[in-house]
Amino acid sequence: MSKHTSEIKFTVELDENKIPEKLSWDAKDGGISNEETKAFLISVWDDKKKETLKMDLWTKDMPLDEMKQFFHQTLLSMSDTFYKATNDEKMTATMRDFCDYFAEKLNLLKE
């Protein structure tokens, strides 16, 4: 039986002060090749230590309003993922309520 390996690659171009200037990523199996982005948040689970390891990077020209929107959409996505992983409707609803509150406080809601 053959085994398939898939790779996701992140490229970070830094300025002289090691601040990200350009971010891009590749996921060939997903049809993504050298796609530019302004930010990414990566979390991985360390099963041995039972803790989350993370890497959060954004370019120095990432607009603040887009960063707020990025966080809001990420929180919504995490709510969906939490539900898929746990099927916990009550906590998912609580998380979505917080997302609504977050969007309201940051004036992200569209009229």
C-alpha atoms as a PDB file:
ATOM      1  CA  MET A   1       0.000   0.000   0.000  1.00  0.00           C
ATOM      2  CA  SER A   2       1.382   3.361  -1.006  1.00  0.00           C
ATOM      3  CA  LYS A   3       1.588   6.309   1.358  1.00  0.00           C
ATOM      4  CA  HIS A   4       1.008   9.905   0.223  1.00  0.00           C
ATOM      5  CA  THR A   5       2.837  12.823   1.805  1.00  0.00           C
ATOM      6  CA  SER A   6       1.605  16.385   1.459  1.00  0.00           C
ATOM      7  CA  GLU A   7       3.643  19.464   2.277  1.00  0.00           C
ATOM      8  CA  ILE A   8       2.651  22.996   3.279  1.00  0.00           C
ATOM      9  CA  LYS A   9       5.460  25.518   3.077  1.00  0.00           C
ATOM     10  CA  PHE A  10       5.625  29.051   4.492  1.00  0.00           C
ATOM     11  CA  THR A  11       8.205  31.557   3.279  1.00  0.00           C
ATOM     12  CA  VAL A  12       9.083  34.639   5.323  1.00  0.00           C
ATOM     13  CA  GLU A  13      11.145  37.473   3.857  1.00  0.00           C
ATOM     14  CA  LEU A  14      12.623  39.694   6.580  1.00  0.00           C
ATOM     15  CA  ASP A  15      13.982  43.232   6.537  1.00  0.00           C
ATOM     16  CA  GLU A  16      17.342  44.177   8.081  1.00  0.00           C
ATOM     17  CA  ASN A  17      15.701  44.229  11.555  1.00  0.00           C
ATOM     18  CA  LYS A  18      14.216  40.752  11.042  1.00  0.00           C
ATOM     19  CA  ILE A  19      10.684  42.134  10.694  1.00  0.00           C
ATOM     20  CA  PRO A  20       8.527  40.260   8.148  1.00  0.00           C
ATOM     21  CA  GLU A  21       8.221  42.224   4.906  1.00  0.00           C
ATOM     22  CA  LYS A  22       6.705  39.530   2.726  1.00  0.00           C
ATOM     23  CA  LEU A  23       4.928  36.269   3.518  1.00  0.00           C
ATOM     24  CA  SER A  24       3.923  33.561   1.084  1.00  0.00           C
ATOM     25  CA  TRP A  25       2.847  29.943   1.195  1.00  0.00           C
ATOM     26  CA  ASP A  26       2.610  26.821  -0.920  1.00  0.00           C
ATOM     27  CA  ALA A  27       0.229  23.886  -0.632  1.00  0.00           C
ATOM     28  CA  LYS A  28       0.570  22.035  -3.908  1.00  0.00           C
ATOM     29  CA  ASP A  29      -2.161  19.487  -3.086  1.00  0.00           C
ATOM     30  CA  GLY A  30      -4.525  22.409  -2.461  1.00  0.00           C
ATOM     31  CA  GLY A  31      -3.568  24.143  -5.686  1.00  0.00           C
ATOM     32  CA  ILE A  32      -1.705  26.947  -3.920  1.00  0.00           C
ATOM     33  CA  SER A  33       1.680  28.026  -5.230  1.00  0.00           C
ATOM     34  CA  ASN A  34       3.681  30.951  -3.875  1.00  0.00           C
ATOM     35  CA  GLU A  35       0.522  32.733  -2.706  1.00  0.00           C
ATOM     36  CA  GLU A  36       1.239  36.023  -0.950  1.00  0.00           C
ATOM     37  CA  THR A  37      -0.421  36.823   2.362  1.00  0.00           C
ATOM     38  CA  LYS A  38      -0.135  39.533   4.996  1.00  0.00           C
ATOM     39  CA  ALA A  39      -0.452  37.312   8.079  1.00  0.00           C
ATOM     40  CA  PHE A  40      -0.655  33.782   9.396  1.00  0.00           C
ATOM     41  CA  LEU A  41      -1.299  32.116  12.725  1.00  0.00           C
ATOM     42  CA  ILE A  42      -0.057  28.557  13.128  1.00  0.00           C
ATOM     43  CA  SER A  43      -0.825  26.362  16.123  1.00  0.00           C
ATOM     44  CA  VAL A  44       0.454  22.825  16.596  1.00  0.00           C
ATOM     45  CA  TRP A  45      -0.259  20.412  19.427  1.00  0.00           C
ATOM     46  CA  ASP A  46       2.724  18.985  21.315  1.00  0.00           C
ATOM     47  CA  ASP A  47       1.331  15.636  22.442  1.00  0.00           C
ATOM     48  CA  LYS A  48       4.270  14.921  24.756  1.00  0.00           C
ATOM     49  CA  LYS A  49       4.066  18.205  26.682  1.00  0.00           C
ATOM     50  CA  LYS A  50       0.291  18.535  26.248  1.00  0.00           C
ATOM     51  CA  GLU A  51       0.582  22.137  25.119  1.00  0.00           C
ATOM     52  CA  THR A  52       0.061  24.298  22.065  1.00  0.00           C
ATOM     53  CA  LEU A  53       3.047  25.659  20.208  1.00  0.00           C
ATOM     54  CA  LYS A  54       2.369  28.627  17.997  1.00  0.00           C
ATOM     55  CA  MET A  55       3.834  30.983  15.466  1.00  0.00           C
ATOM     56  CA  ASP A  56       2.096  34.275  14.692  1.00  0.00           C
ATOM     57  CA  LEU A  57       3.561  36.455  11.955  1.00  0.00           C
ATOM     58  CA  TRP A  58       2.336  39.421   9.973  1.00  0.00           C
ATOM     59  CA  THR A  59       3.985  41.873   7.622  1.00  0.00           C
ATOM     60  CA  LYS A  60       4.868  45.328   8.816  1.00  0.00           C
ATOM     61  CA  ASP A  61       2.432  46.811   6.300  1.00  0.00           C
ATOM     62  CA  MET A  62      -0.571  44.757   7.460  1.00  0.00           C
ATOM     63  CA  PRO A  63      -3.357  47.326   7.949  1.00  0.00           C
ATOM     64  CA  LEU A  64      -4.805  47.474  11.457  1.00  0.00           C
ATOM     65  CA  ASP A  65      -8.398  47.240  10.227  1.00  0.00           C
ATOM     66  CA  GLU A  66      -7.530  44.080   8.270  1.00  0.00           C
ATOM     67  CA  MET A  67      -5.779  42.606  11.337  1.00  0.00           C
ATOM     68  CA  LYS A  68      -8.961  43.098  13.374  1.00  0.00           C
ATOM     69  CA  GLN A  69     -11.014  41.471  10.623  1.00  0.00           C
ATOM     70  CA  PHE A  70      -8.471  38.617  10.359  1.00  0.00           C
ATOM     71  CA  PHE A  71      -8.759  37.920  14.095  1.00  0.00           C
ATOM     72  CA  HIS A  72     -12.553  38.004  13.981  1.00  0.00           C
ATOM     73  CA  GLN A  73     -12.701  35.565  11.077  1.00  0.00           C
ATOM     74  CA  THR A  74     -10.110  33.330  12.756  1.00  0.00           C
ATOM     75  CA  LEU A  75     -12.160  33.227  15.953  1.00  0.00           C
ATOM     76  CA  LEU A  76     -15.280  32.309  13.945  1.00  0.00           C
ATOM     77  CA  SER A  77     -13.335  29.602  12.143  1.00  0.00           C
ATOM     78  CA  MET A  78     -12.055  28.238  15.457  1.00  0.00           C
ATOM     79  CA  SER A  79     -15.660  28.051  16.676  1.00  0.00           C
ATOM     80  CA  ASP A  80     -16.563  25.966  13.627  1.00  0.00           C
ATOM     81  CA  THR A  81     -13.521  23.739  14.102  1.00  0.00           C
ATOM     82  CA  PHE A  82     -14.290  23.312  17.800  1.00  0.00           C
ATOM     83  CA  TYR A  83     -17.799  22.145  16.921  1.00  0.00           C
ATOM     84  CA  LYS A  84     -16.544  19.705  14.274  1.00  0.00           C
ATOM     85  CA  ALA A  85     -14.016  18.283  16.739  1.00  0.00           C
ATOM     86  CA  THR A  86     -16.262  18.065  19.825  1.00  0.00           C
ATOM     87  CA  ASN A  87     -19.887  18.333  18.684  1.00  0.00           C
ATOM     88  CA  ASP A  88     -20.373  20.604  21.742  1.00  0.00           C
ATOM     89  CA  GLU A  89     -23.255  22.848  20.665  1.00  0.00           C
ATOM     90  CA  LYS A  90     -23.483  24.807  23.914  1.00  0.00           C
ATOM     91  CA  MET A  91     -19.830  25.894  24.008  1.00  0.00           C
ATOM     92  CA  THR A  92     -19.838  26.588  20.270  1.00  0.00           C
ATOM     93  CA  ALA A  93     -22.791  28.937  20.769  1.00  0.00           C
ATOM     94  CA  THR A  94     -20.903  30.646  23.605  1.00  0.00           C
ATOM     95  CA  MET A  95     -17.841  31.051  21.390  1.00  0.00           C
ATOM     96  CA  ARG A  96     -19.999  32.511  18.592  1.00  0.00           C
ATOM     97  CA  ASP A  97     -21.570  34.936  21.085  1.00  0.00           C
ATOM     98  CA  PHE A  98     -18.066  36.128  21.960  1.00  0.00           C
ATOM     99  CA  CYS A  99     -17.284  36.527  18.238  1.00  0.00           C
ATOM    100  CA  ASP A 100     -20.379  38.715  17.878  1.00  0.00           C
ATOM    101  CA  TYR A 101     -19.293  40.773  20.901  1.00  0.00           C
ATOM    102  CA  PHE A 102     -15.751  41.060  19.498  1.00  0.00           C
ATOM    103  CA  ALA A 103     -17.071  42.281  16.123  1.00  0.00           C
ATOM    104  CA  GLU A 104     -19.431  44.754  17.784  1.00  0.00           C
ATOM    105  CA  LYS A 105     -16.708  46.248  20.024  1.00  0.00           C
ATOM    106  CA  LEU A 106     -14.344  46.636  17.056  1.00  0.00           C
ATOM    107  CA  ASN A 107     -17.078  48.021  14.792  1.00  0.00           C
ATOM    108  CA  LEU A 108     -16.654  45.179  12.321  1.00  0.00           C
ATOM    109  CA  LEU A 109     -20.376  44.627  11.784  1.00  0.00           C
ATOM    110  CA  LYS A 110     -21.660  45.632   8.399  1.00  0.00           C
ATOM    111  CA  GLU A 111     -24.783  47.794   8.462  1.00  0.00           C
END
